[in-house]
PDB file of all heavy atoms in Angstrom:
ATOM      1  N   ILE A   1       3.760   1.797  -7.999  1.00  0.00           N
ATOM      2  CA  ILE A   1       5.047   2.430  -8.322  1.00  0.00           C
ATOM      3  C   ILE A   1       6.080   2.089  -7.258  1.00  0.00           C
ATOM      4  O   ILE A   1       7.240   1.812  -7.577  1.00  0.00           O
ATOM      5  CB  ILE A   1       4.869   3.952  -8.488  1.00  0.00           C
ATOM      6  CG1 ILE A   1       4.021   4.239  -9.734  1.00  0.00           C
ATOM      7  CG2 ILE A   1       6.217   4.657  -8.582  1.00  0.00           C
ATOM      8  CD1 ILE A   1       3.555   5.675  -9.852  1.00  0.00           C
ATOM      9  N   THR A   2       5.657   2.062  -6.005  1.00  0.00           N
ATOM     10  CA  THR A   2       6.559   1.659  -4.918  1.00  0.00           C
ATOM     11  C   THR A   2       7.023   0.224  -5.127  1.00  0.00           C
ATOM     12  O   THR A   2       8.205  -0.085  -4.929  1.00  0.00           O
ATOM     13  CB  THR A   2       5.873   1.811  -3.547  1.00  0.00           C
ATOM     14  OG1 THR A   2       5.464   3.171  -3.386  1.00  0.00           O
ATOM     15  CG2 THR A   2       6.790   1.406  -2.418  1.00  0.00           C
ATOM     16  N   ASP A   3       6.110  -0.650  -5.547  1.00  0.00           N
ATOM     17  CA  ASP A   3       6.454  -2.041  -5.851  1.00  0.00           C
ATOM     18  C   ASP A   3       7.533  -2.089  -6.926  1.00  0.00           C
ATOM     19  O   ASP A   3       8.519  -2.816  -6.803  1.00  0.00           O
ATOM     20  CB  ASP A   3       5.194  -2.779  -6.299  1.00  0.00           C
ATOM     21  CG  ASP A   3       5.465  -4.162  -6.860  1.00  0.00           C
ATOM     22  OD1 ASP A   3       6.515  -4.765  -6.554  1.00  0.00           O
ATOM     23  OD2 ASP A   3       4.611  -4.662  -7.608  1.00  0.00           O
ATOM     24  N   TRP A   4       7.354  -1.308  -7.959  1.00  0.00           N
ATOM     25  CA  TRP A   4       8.305  -1.301  -9.071  1.00  0.00           C
ATOM     26  C   TRP A   4       9.677  -0.797  -8.623  1.00  0.00           C
ATOM     27  O   TRP A   4      10.701  -1.345  -9.008  1.00  0.00           O
ATOM     28  CB  TRP A   4       7.733  -0.441 -10.201  1.00  0.00           C
ATOM     29  CG  TRP A   4       8.603  -0.357 -11.401  1.00  0.00           C
ATOM     30  CD1 TRP A   4       8.944  -1.364 -12.262  1.00  0.00           C
ATOM     31  CD2 TRP A   4       9.266   0.819 -11.878  1.00  0.00           C
ATOM     32  NE1 TRP A   4       9.767  -0.890 -13.253  1.00  0.00           N
ATOM     33  CE2 TRP A   4       9.978   0.449 -13.041  1.00  0.00           C
ATOM     34  CE3 TRP A   4       9.311   2.130 -11.445  1.00  0.00           C
ATOM     35  CZ2 TRP A   4      10.729   1.355 -13.761  1.00  0.00           C
ATOM     36  CZ3 TRP A   4      10.058   3.035 -12.172  1.00  0.00           C
ATOM     37  CH2 TRP A   4      10.759   2.646 -13.315  1.00  0.00           C
ATOM     38  N   LEU A   5       9.700   0.252  -7.795  1.00  0.00           N
ATOM     39  CA  LEU A   5      10.964   0.841  -7.359  1.00  0.00           C
ATOM     40  C   LEU A   5      11.656   0.027  -6.267  1.00  0.00           C
ATOM     41  O   LEU A   5      12.882   0.042  -6.167  1.00  0.00           O
ATOM     42  CB  LEU A   5      10.737   2.270  -6.855  1.00  0.00           C
ATOM     43  CG  LEU A   5      10.355   3.298  -7.912  1.00  0.00           C
ATOM     44  CD1 LEU A   5       9.989   4.622  -7.258  1.00  0.00           C
ATOM     45  CD2 LEU A   5      11.473   3.482  -8.911  1.00  0.00           C
ATOM     46  N   ALA A   6      10.883  -0.653  -5.434  1.00  0.00           N
ATOM     47  CA  ALA A   6      11.465  -1.370  -4.290  1.00  0.00           C
ATOM     48  C   ALA A   6      12.083  -2.706  -4.670  1.00  0.00           C
ATOM     49  O   ALA A   6      12.758  -3.321  -3.851  1.00  0.00           O
ATOM     50  CB  ALA A   6      10.407  -1.581  -3.207  1.00  0.00           C
ATOM     51  N   GLY A   7      11.855  -3.154  -5.872  1.00  0.00           N
ATOM     52  CA  GLY A   7      12.464  -4.406  -6.311  1.00  0.00           C
ATOM     53  C   GLY A   7      11.916  -5.604  -5.566  1.00  0.00           C
ATOM     54  O   GLY A   7      10.711  -5.793  -5.465  1.00  0.00           O
ATOM     55  N   ASN A   8      12.806  -6.409  -5.004  1.00  0.00           N
ATOM     56  CA  ASN A   8      12.408  -7.656  -4.346  1.00  0.00           C
ATOM     57  C   ASN A   8      11.895  -7.476  -2.927  1.00  0.00           C
ATOM     58  O   ASN A   8      11.433  -8.424  -2.320  1.00  0.00           O
ATOM     59  CB  ASN A   8      13.586  -8.639  -4.331  1.00  0.00           C
ATOM     60  CG  ASN A   8      13.933  -9.115  -5.711  1.00  0.00           C
ATOM     61  OD1 ASN A   8      13.080  -9.175  -6.590  1.00  0.00           O
ATOM     62  ND2 ASN A   8      15.194  -9.437  -5.920  1.00  0.00           N
ATOM     63  N   TRP A   9      11.998  -6.282  -2.369  1.00  0.00           N
ATOM     64  CA  TRP A   9      11.580  -6.082  -0.986  1.00  0.00           C
ATOM     65  C   TRP A   9      10.076  -6.015  -0.814  1.00  0.00           C
ATOM     66  O   TRP A   9       9.552  -6.336   0.243  1.00  0.00           O
ATOM     67  CB  TRP A   9      12.169  -4.803  -0.428  1.00  0.00           C
ATOM     68  CG  TRP A   9      13.643  -4.841  -0.230  1.00  0.00           C
ATOM     69  CD1 TRP A   9      14.408  -5.945   0.036  1.00  0.00           C
ATOM     70  CD2 TRP A   9      14.531  -3.746  -0.285  1.00  0.00           C
ATOM     71  NE1 TRP A   9      15.713  -5.586   0.150  1.00  0.00           N
ATOM     72  CE2 TRP A   9      15.817  -4.234  -0.044  1.00  0.00           C
ATOM     73  CE3 TRP A   9      14.357  -2.390  -0.522  1.00  0.00           C
ATOM     74  CZ2 TRP A   9      16.930  -3.420  -0.018  1.00  0.00           C
ATOM     75  CZ3 TRP A   9      15.465  -1.581  -0.493  1.00  0.00           C
ATOM     76  CH2 TRP A   9      16.732  -2.095  -0.245  1.00  0.00           C
ATOM     77  N   PHE A  10       9.360  -5.570  -1.840  1.00  0.00           N
ATOM     78  CA  PHE A  10       7.937  -5.268  -1.708  1.00  0.00           C
ATOM     79  C   PHE A  10       7.230  -5.719  -2.980  1.00  0.00           C
ATOM     80  O   PHE A  10       7.736  -5.523  -4.074  1.00  0.00           O
ATOM     81  CB  PHE A  10       7.773  -3.756  -1.510  1.00  0.00           C
ATOM     82  CG  PHE A  10       6.370  -3.283  -1.292  1.00  0.00           C
ATOM     83  CD1 PHE A  10       5.666  -3.657  -0.162  1.00  0.00           C
ATOM     84  CD2 PHE A  10       5.755  -2.442  -2.198  1.00  0.00           C
ATOM     85  CE1 PHE A  10       4.373  -3.198   0.056  1.00  0.00           C
ATOM     86  CE2 PHE A  10       4.476  -1.978  -1.991  1.00  0.00           C
ATOM     87  CZ  PHE A  10       3.790  -2.356  -0.864  1.00  0.00           C
ATOM     88  N   GLU A  11       6.060  -6.338  -2.807  1.00  0.00           N
ATOM     89  CA  GLU A  11       5.327  -6.814  -3.977  1.00  0.00           C
ATOM     90  C   GLU A  11       3.836  -6.569  -3.811  1.00  0.00           C
ATOM     91  O   GLU A  11       3.256  -6.854  -2.759  1.00  0.00           O
ATOM     92  CB  GLU A  11       5.575  -8.309  -4.182  1.00  0.00           C
ATOM     93  CG  GLU A  11       4.937  -8.820  -5.436  1.00  0.00           C
ATOM     94  CD  GLU A  11       5.264 -10.283  -5.681  1.00  0.00           C
ATOM     95  OE1 GLU A  11       6.321 -10.751  -5.225  1.00  0.00           O
ATOM     96  OE2 GLU A  11       4.444 -10.951  -6.314  1.00  0.00           O
ATOM     97  N   VAL A  12       3.236  -6.024  -4.861  1.00  0.00           N
ATOM     98  CA  VAL A  12       1.792  -5.836  -4.938  1.00  0.00           C
ATOM     99  C   VAL A  12       1.333  -6.584  -6.177  1.00  0.00           C
ATOM    100  O   VAL A  12       1.871  -6.378  -7.267  1.00  0.00           O
ATOM    101  CB  VAL A  12       1.419  -4.332  -5.032  1.00  0.00           C
ATOM    102  CG1 VAL A  12      -0.084  -4.163  -5.105  1.00  0.00           C
ATOM    103  CG2 VAL A  12       1.977  -3.570  -3.849  1.00  0.00           C
ATOM    104  N   ASP A  13       0.327  -7.452  -6.031  1.00  0.00           N
ATOM    105  CA  ASP A  13      -0.071  -8.366  -7.096  1.00  0.00           C
ATOM    106  C   ASP A  13      -1.054  -7.797  -8.111  1.00  0.00           C
ATOM    107  O   ASP A  13      -1.617  -8.541  -8.885  1.00  0.00           O
ATOM    108  CB  ASP A  13      -0.662  -9.646  -6.501  1.00  0.00           C
ATOM    109  CG  ASP A  13       0.399 -10.496  -5.820  1.00  0.00           C
ATOM    110  OD1 ASP A  13       1.588 -10.326  -6.135  1.00  0.00           O
ATOM    111  OD2 ASP A  13       0.026 -11.310  -4.964  1.00  0.00           O
ATOM    112  N   GLY A  14      -1.295  -6.514  -8.117  1.00  0.00           N
ATOM    113  CA  GLY A  14      -2.187  -5.935  -9.118  1.00  0.00           C
ATOM    114  C   GLY A  14      -2.980  -4.766  -8.579  1.00  0.00           C
ATOM    115  O   GLY A  14      -2.773  -4.305  -7.451  1.00  0.00           O
ATOM    116  N   TRP A  15      -3.911  -4.286  -9.425  1.00  0.00           N
ATOM    117  CA  TRP A  15      -4.683  -3.100  -9.070  1.00  0.00           C
ATOM    118  C   TRP A  15      -5.617  -3.329  -7.890  1.00  0.00           C
ATOM    119  O   TRP A  15      -5.786  -2.445  -7.059  1.00  0.00           O
ATOM    120  CB  TRP A  15      -5.479  -2.601 -10.274  1.00  0.00           C
ATOM    121  CG  TRP A  15      -4.631  -1.830 -11.219  1.00  0.00           C
ATOM    122  CD1 TRP A  15      -4.061  -2.280 -12.378  1.00  0.00           C
ATOM    123  CD2 TRP A  15      -4.222  -0.469 -11.077  1.00  0.00           C
ATOM    124  NE1 TRP A  15      -3.333  -1.275 -12.950  1.00  0.00           N
ATOM    125  CE2 TRP A  15      -3.426  -0.153 -12.191  1.00  0.00           C
ATOM    126  CE3 TRP A  15      -4.467   0.499 -10.127  1.00  0.00           C
ATOM    127  CZ2 TRP A  15      -2.864   1.105 -12.360  1.00  0.00           C
ATOM    128  CZ3 TRP A  15      -3.913   1.759 -10.298  1.00  0.00           C
ATOM    129  CH2 TRP A  15      -3.113   2.052 -11.406  1.00  0.00           C
ATOM    130  N   GLY A  16      -6.238  -4.495  -7.814  1.00  0.00           N
ATOM    131  CA  GLY A  16      -7.170  -4.772  -6.716  1.00  0.00           C
ATOM    132  C   GLY A  16      -6.506  -4.665  -5.354  1.00  0.00           C
ATOM    133  O   GLY A  16      -6.934  -3.871  -4.499  1.00  0.00           O
ATOM    134  N   PRO A  17      -5.448  -5.451  -5.125  1.00  0.00           N
ATOM    135  CA  PRO A  17      -4.749  -5.329  -3.843  1.00  0.00           C
ATOM    136  C   PRO A  17      -4.156  -3.938  -3.621  1.00  0.00           C
ATOM    137  O   PRO A  17      -4.104  -3.462  -2.485  1.00  0.00           O
ATOM    138  CB  PRO A  17      -3.639  -6.379  -3.930  1.00  0.00           C
ATOM    139  CG  PRO A  17      -4.119  -7.365  -4.917  1.00  0.00           C
ATOM    140  CD  PRO A  17      -4.947  -6.595  -5.898  1.00  0.00           C
ATOM    141  N   ALA A  18      -3.731  -3.266  -4.694  1.00  0.00           N
ATOM    142  CA  ALA A  18      -3.147  -1.930  -4.546  1.00  0.00           C
ATOM    143  C   ALA A  18      -4.192  -0.938  -4.056  1.00  0.00           C
ATOM    144  O   ALA A  18      -3.920  -0.143  -3.147  1.00  0.00           O
ATOM    145  CB  ALA A  18      -2.547  -1.462  -5.874  1.00  0.00           C
ATOM    146  N   ILE A  19      -5.386  -0.961  -4.631  1.00  0.00           N
ATOM    147  CA  ILE A  19      -6.430  -0.021  -4.223  1.00  0.00           C
ATOM    148  C   ILE A  19      -6.899  -0.326  -2.800  1.00  0.00           C
ATOM    149  O   ILE A  19      -7.034   0.579  -1.970  1.00  0.00           O
ATOM    150  CB  ILE A  19      -7.593  -0.038  -5.231  1.00  0.00           C
ATOM    151  CG1 ILE A  19      -7.124   0.587  -6.550  1.00  0.00           C
ATOM    152  CG2 ILE A  19      -8.803   0.706  -4.688  1.00  0.00           C
ATOM    153  CD1 ILE A  19      -8.111   0.470  -7.689  1.00  0.00           C
ATOM    154  N   ILE A  20      -7.111  -1.607  -2.501  1.00  0.00           N
ATOM    155  CA  ILE A  20      -7.529  -1.981  -1.145  1.00  0.00           C
ATOM    156  C   ILE A  20      -6.421  -1.649  -0.142  1.00  0.00           C
ATOM    157  O   ILE A  20      -6.679  -1.137   0.946  1.00  0.00           O
ATOM    158  CB  ILE A  20      -7.920  -3.473  -1.084  1.00  0.00           C
ATOM    159  CG1 ILE A  20      -9.172  -3.706  -1.928  1.00  0.00           C
ATOM    160  CG2 ILE A  20      -8.159  -3.918   0.350  1.00  0.00           C
ATOM    161  CD1 ILE A  20      -9.512  -5.156  -2.152  1.00  0.00           C
ATOM    162  N   GLY A  21      -5.171  -1.905  -0.521  1.00  0.00           N
ATOM    163  CA  GLY A  21      -4.042  -1.565   0.345  1.00  0.00           C
ATOM    164  C   GLY A  21      -3.941  -0.070   0.585  1.00  0.00           C
ATOM    165  O   GLY A  21      -3.634   0.367   1.695  1.00  0.00           O
ATOM    166  N   GLY A  22      -4.219   0.727  -0.445  1.00  0.00           N
ATOM    167  CA  GLY A  22      -4.215   2.176  -0.273  1.00  0.00           C
ATOM    168  C   GLY A  22      -5.279   2.634   0.703  1.00  0.00           C
ATOM    169  O   GLY A  22      -5.042   3.534   1.522  1.00  0.00           O
ATOM    170  N   ILE A  23      -6.448   2.004   0.630  1.00  0.00           N
ATOM    171  CA  ILE A  23      -7.524   2.333   1.575  1.00  0.00           C
ATOM    172  C   ILE A  23      -7.108   1.961   2.996  1.00  0.00           C
ATOM    173  O   ILE A  23      -7.258   2.759   3.936  1.00  0.00           O
ATOM    174  CB  ILE A  23      -8.837   1.623   1.182  1.00  0.00           C
ATOM    175  CG1 ILE A  23      -9.363   2.184  -0.139  1.00  0.00           C
ATOM    176  CG2 ILE A  23      -9.886   1.761   2.278  1.00  0.00           C
ATOM    177  CD1 ILE A  23     -10.498   1.365  -0.744  1.00  0.00           C
ATOM    178  N   ILE A  24      -6.573   0.756   3.161  1.00  0.00           N
ATOM    179  CA  ILE A  24      -6.134   0.290   4.484  1.00  0.00           C
ATOM    180  C   ILE A  24      -5.034   1.199   5.033  1.00  0.00           C
ATOM    181  O   ILE A  24      -5.062   1.587   6.205  1.00  0.00           O
ATOM    182  CB  ILE A  24      -5.643  -1.177   4.424  1.00  0.00           C
ATOM    183  CG1 ILE A  24      -6.759  -2.107   3.993  1.00  0.00           C
ATOM    184  CG2 ILE A  24      -5.026  -1.610   5.753  1.00  0.00           C
ATOM    185  CD1 ILE A  24      -7.880  -2.246   4.967  1.00  0.00           C
ATOM    186  N   MET A  25      -4.084   1.566   4.183  1.00  0.00           N
ATOM    187  CA  MET A  25      -2.996   2.438   4.638  1.00  0.00           C
ATOM    188  C   MET A  25      -3.518   3.808   5.039  1.00  0.00           C
ATOM    189  O   MET A  25      -3.056   4.387   6.024  1.00  0.00           O
ATOM    190  CB  MET A  25      -1.939   2.585   3.545  1.00  0.00           C
ATOM    191  CG  MET A  25      -1.064   1.368   3.391  1.00  0.00           C
ATOM    192  SD  MET A  25       0.256   1.660   2.227  1.00  0.00           S
ATOM    193  CE  MET A  25       1.184   2.930   3.061  1.00  0.00           C
ATOM    194  N   GLY A  26      -4.475   4.327   4.288  1.00  0.00           N
ATOM    195  CA  GLY A  26      -5.055   5.622   4.630  1.00  0.00           C
ATOM    196  C   GLY A  26      -5.767   5.592   5.969  1.00  0.00           C
ATOM    197  O   GLY A  26      -5.599   6.495   6.800  1.00  0.00           O
ATOM    198  N   ILE A  27      -6.547   4.543   6.193  1.00  0.00           N
ATOM    199  CA  ILE A  27      -7.274   4.413   7.464  1.00  0.00           C
ATOM    200  C   ILE A  27      -6.299   4.208   8.616  1.00  0.00           C
ATOM    201  O   ILE A  27      -6.424   4.841   9.671  1.00  0.00           O
ATOM    202  CB  ILE A  27      -8.300   3.262   7.377  1.00  0.00           C
ATOM    203  CG1 ILE A  27      -9.415   3.626   6.393  1.00  0.00           C
ATOM    204  CG2 ILE A  27      -8.878   2.943   8.752  1.00  0.00           C
ATOM    205  CD1 ILE A  27     -10.331   2.472   6.044  1.00  0.00           C
ATOM    206  N   ALA A  28      -5.310   3.332   8.420  1.00  0.00           N
ATOM    207  CA  ALA A  28      -4.330   3.070   9.473  1.00  0.00           C
ATOM    208  C   ALA A  28      -3.542   4.341   9.793  1.00  0.00           C
ATOM    209  O   ALA A  28      -3.339   4.678  10.969  1.00  0.00           O
ATOM    210  CB  ALA A  28      -3.378   1.955   9.050  1.00  0.00           C
ATOM    211  N   GLY A  29      -3.107   5.056   8.763  1.00  0.00           N
ATOM    212  CA  GLY A  29      -2.373   6.301   8.988  1.00  0.00           C
ATOM    213  C   GLY A  29      -3.202   7.329   9.727  1.00  0.00           C
ATOM    214  O   GLY A  29      -2.699   8.038  10.600  1.00  0.00           O
ATOM    215  N   LEU A  30      -4.489   7.398   9.394  1.00  0.00           N
ATOM    216  CA  LEU A  30      -5.383   8.341  10.060  1.00  0.00           C
ATOM    217  C   LEU A  30      -5.493   8.033  11.553  1.00  0.00           C
ATOM    218  O   LEU A  30      -5.368   8.928  12.392  1.00  0.00           O
ATOM    219  CB  LEU A  30      -6.763   8.296   9.409  1.00  0.00           C
ATOM    220  CG  LEU A  30      -7.835   9.190  10.019  1.00  0.00           C
ATOM    221  CD1 LEU A  30      -7.505  10.648   9.771  1.00  0.00           C
ATOM    222  CD2 LEU A  30      -9.196   8.840   9.449  1.00  0.00           C
ATOM    223  N   PHE A  31      -5.706   6.749  11.877  1.00  0.00           N
ATOM    224  CA  PHE A  31      -5.819   6.368  13.280  1.00  0.00           C
ATOM    225  C   PHE A  31      -4.510   6.588  14.043  1.00  0.00           C
ATOM    226  O   PHE A  31      -4.522   7.029  15.196  1.00  0.00           O
ATOM    227  CB  PHE A  31      -6.287   4.919  13.439  1.00  0.00           C
ATOM    228  CG  PHE A  31      -7.755   4.746  13.228  1.00  0.00           C
ATOM    229  CD1 PHE A  31      -8.237   3.927  12.220  1.00  0.00           C
ATOM    230  CD2 PHE A  31      -8.672   5.402  14.030  1.00  0.00           C
ATOM    231  CE1 PHE A  31      -9.598   3.769  12.025  1.00  0.00           C
ATOM    232  CE2 PHE A  31     -10.033   5.252  13.850  1.00  0.00           C
ATOM    233  CZ  PHE A  31     -10.501   4.424  12.834  1.00  0.00           C
ATOM    234  N   ILE A  32      -3.387   6.293  13.398  1.00  0.00           N
ATOM    235  CA  ILE A  32      -2.093   6.505  14.055  1.00  0.00           C
ATOM    236  C   ILE A  32      -1.871   7.985  14.310  1.00  0.00           C
ATOM    237  O   ILE A  32      -1.452   8.390  15.397  1.00  0.00           O
ATOM    238  CB  ILE A  32      -0.947   5.906  13.208  1.00  0.00           C
ATOM    239  CG1 ILE A  32      -1.077   4.381  13.137  1.00  0.00           C
ATOM    240  CG2 ILE A  32       0.411   6.301  13.774  1.00  0.00           C
ATOM    241  CD1 ILE A  32      -0.188   3.732  12.103  1.00  0.00           C
ATOM    242  N   GLU A  33      -2.162   8.818  13.301  1.00  0.00           N
ATOM    243  CA  GLU A  33      -2.000  10.262  13.469  1.00  0.00           C
ATOM    244  C   GLU A  33      -2.936  10.809  14.546  1.00  0.00           C
ATOM    245  O   GLU A  33      -2.548  11.692  15.315  1.00  0.00           O
ATOM    246  CB  GLU A  33      -2.243  10.982  12.151  1.00  0.00           C
ATOM    247  CG  GLU A  33      -1.119  10.794  11.158  1.00  0.00           C
ATOM    248  CD  GLU A  33      -1.414  11.437   9.814  1.00  0.00           C
ATOM    249  OE1 GLU A  33      -2.397  12.195   9.711  1.00  0.00           O
ATOM    250  OE2 GLU A  33      -0.653  11.171   8.878  1.00  0.00           O
ATOM    251  N   MET A  34      -4.167  10.285  14.597  1.00  0.00           N
ATOM    252  CA  MET A  34      -5.096  10.726  15.645  1.00  0.00           C
ATOM    253  C   MET A  34      -4.565  10.354  17.015  1.00  0.00           C
ATOM    254  O   MET A  34      -4.616  11.156  17.953  1.00  0.00           O
ATOM    255  CB  MET A  34      -6.486  10.113  15.418  1.00  0.00           C
ATOM    256  CG  MET A  34      -7.251  10.783  14.315  1.00  0.00           C
ATOM    257  SD  MET A  34      -8.841  10.038  13.876  1.00  0.00           S
ATOM    258  CE  MET A  34      -9.440   9.278  15.327  1.00  0.00           C
TER     259      MET A  34
END
């Protein structure tokens, strides 16, 4: 949805990268918050 709203600034190539990216973002956010 962010890809759709952000237009040309951000691109996600499908469900696979989106799910893996969500996992990576969750882990990265957790470590940053810690």
